[in-house]
Protein backbone atom coordinates (compact mmCIF):
# COMPACT_ATOMS: atom_id res chain seq x y z
CA MET A 1 29.64 3.55 34.52
CA GLU A 2 29.22 7.20 33.74
CA ALA A 3 32.23 7.24 31.37
CA HIS A 4 30.66 4.43 29.40
CA HIS A 5 27.46 6.54 28.98
CA VAL A 6 29.53 9.54 27.69
CA PHE A 7 31.26 7.19 25.17
CA ARG A 8 27.90 6.00 23.87
CA THR A 9 26.63 9.58 23.50
CA SER A 10 29.84 10.51 21.65
CA ALA A 11 29.57 7.50 19.30
CA THR A 12 25.80 8.38 18.70
CA THR A 13 26.73 11.92 17.89
CA LYS A 14 29.49 10.87 15.41
CA THR A 15 27.05 8.52 13.72
CA HIS A 16 24.47 11.15 13.48
CA ARG A 17 27.00 13.59 11.99
CA SER A 18 28.12 10.95 9.47
CA LEU A 19 24.47 10.30 8.43
CA VAL A 20 23.89 14.03 8.06
CA ASN A 21 26.98 14.39 5.91
CA GLN A 22 25.91 11.44 3.74
CA LEU A 23 22.50 12.88 3.30
CA HIS A 24 23.96 16.26 2.32
CA LEU A 25 26.19 14.60 -0.27
CA MET A 26 23.28 12.60 -1.67
CA THR A 27 21.07 15.70 -2.01
CA THR A 28 23.82 17.82 -3.63
CA ASN A 29 24.80 14.94 -6.06
CA PHE A 30 21.12 14.33 -6.81
CA SER A 31 20.64 17.74 -8.22
CA ARG A 32 23.40 17.08 -10.81
CA LEU A 33 21.63 14.06 -12.30
CA PRO A 34 20.04 14.34 -15.63
CA PRO A 35 16.24 14.30 -15.69
CA LEU A 36 14.57 10.85 -15.70
CA PRO A 37 12.28 9.78 -18.49
CA PRO A 38 8.57 9.61 -17.70
CA LEU A 39 7.74 6.57 -15.51
CA ARG A 40 5.79 4.77 -18.22
CA ASP A 41 8.65 5.06 -20.67
CA PHE A 42 11.18 3.91 -17.95
CA ILE A 43 9.02 0.88 -17.15
CA HIS A 44 8.65 0.03 -20.90
CA MET A 45 12.38 0.67 -21.63
CA TYR A 46 13.53 -1.90 -18.99
CA ARG A 47 10.60 -4.23 -19.60
CA LEU A 48 9.39 -3.98 -15.98
CA ARG A 49 6.09 -5.25 -14.86
CA ALA A 50 4.16 -3.94 -11.86
CA LYS A 51 2.57 -6.87 -10.15
CA LYS A 52 -0.60 -6.38 -8.24
CA VAL A 53 0.35 -9.27 -5.89
CA LEU A 54 3.46 -7.34 -4.87
CA SER A 55 1.47 -4.11 -4.43
CA GLN A 56 3.40 -2.41 -7.23
CA ASN A 57 0.42 -1.50 -9.33
CA TYR A 58 0.24 1.95 -7.77
CA LEU A 59 3.27 2.93 -9.84
CA MET A 60 1.17 3.16 -12.97
CA ASP A 61 -1.39 5.49 -11.31
CA MET A 62 -0.03 9.05 -11.79
CA ASN A 63 -2.29 10.48 -9.14
CA LEU A 64 -0.89 8.08 -6.50
CA THR A 65 2.64 8.54 -7.80
CA ARG A 66 2.21 12.33 -7.48
CA LYS A 67 0.99 11.91 -3.79
CA VAL A 68 3.97 9.61 -2.98
CA CYS A 69 6.38 12.15 -4.40
CA MET A 70 4.75 15.13 -2.57
CA SER A 71 4.77 13.32 0.77
CA ALA A 72 8.43 12.41 0.26
CA GLY A 73 9.24 15.99 -0.47
CA VAL A 74 10.24 15.26 -4.15
CA GLU A 75 9.13 17.50 -6.94
CA PHE A 76 6.83 15.71 -9.30
CA ARG A 77 6.75 16.81 -12.98
CA GLU A 78 4.76 14.82 -15.52
CA GLU A 79 6.20 15.30 -18.96
């Protein structure tokens, strides 16, 4: 029974390491991406519509978008 517990811990540790490695790759690759256009231009470019019914209307409010970015630890730049 104890050996089974050790195996589960080992598998959990490997999974954790894998997730950490994936996150590291995502953040390092993210820094190489070109800058995105302003949100309003992006929405207009792809003819997207934020629907209030789907609670997407906050995307057009720059104050709320700034707060979402800050709480996620993402730098917000309004251009």
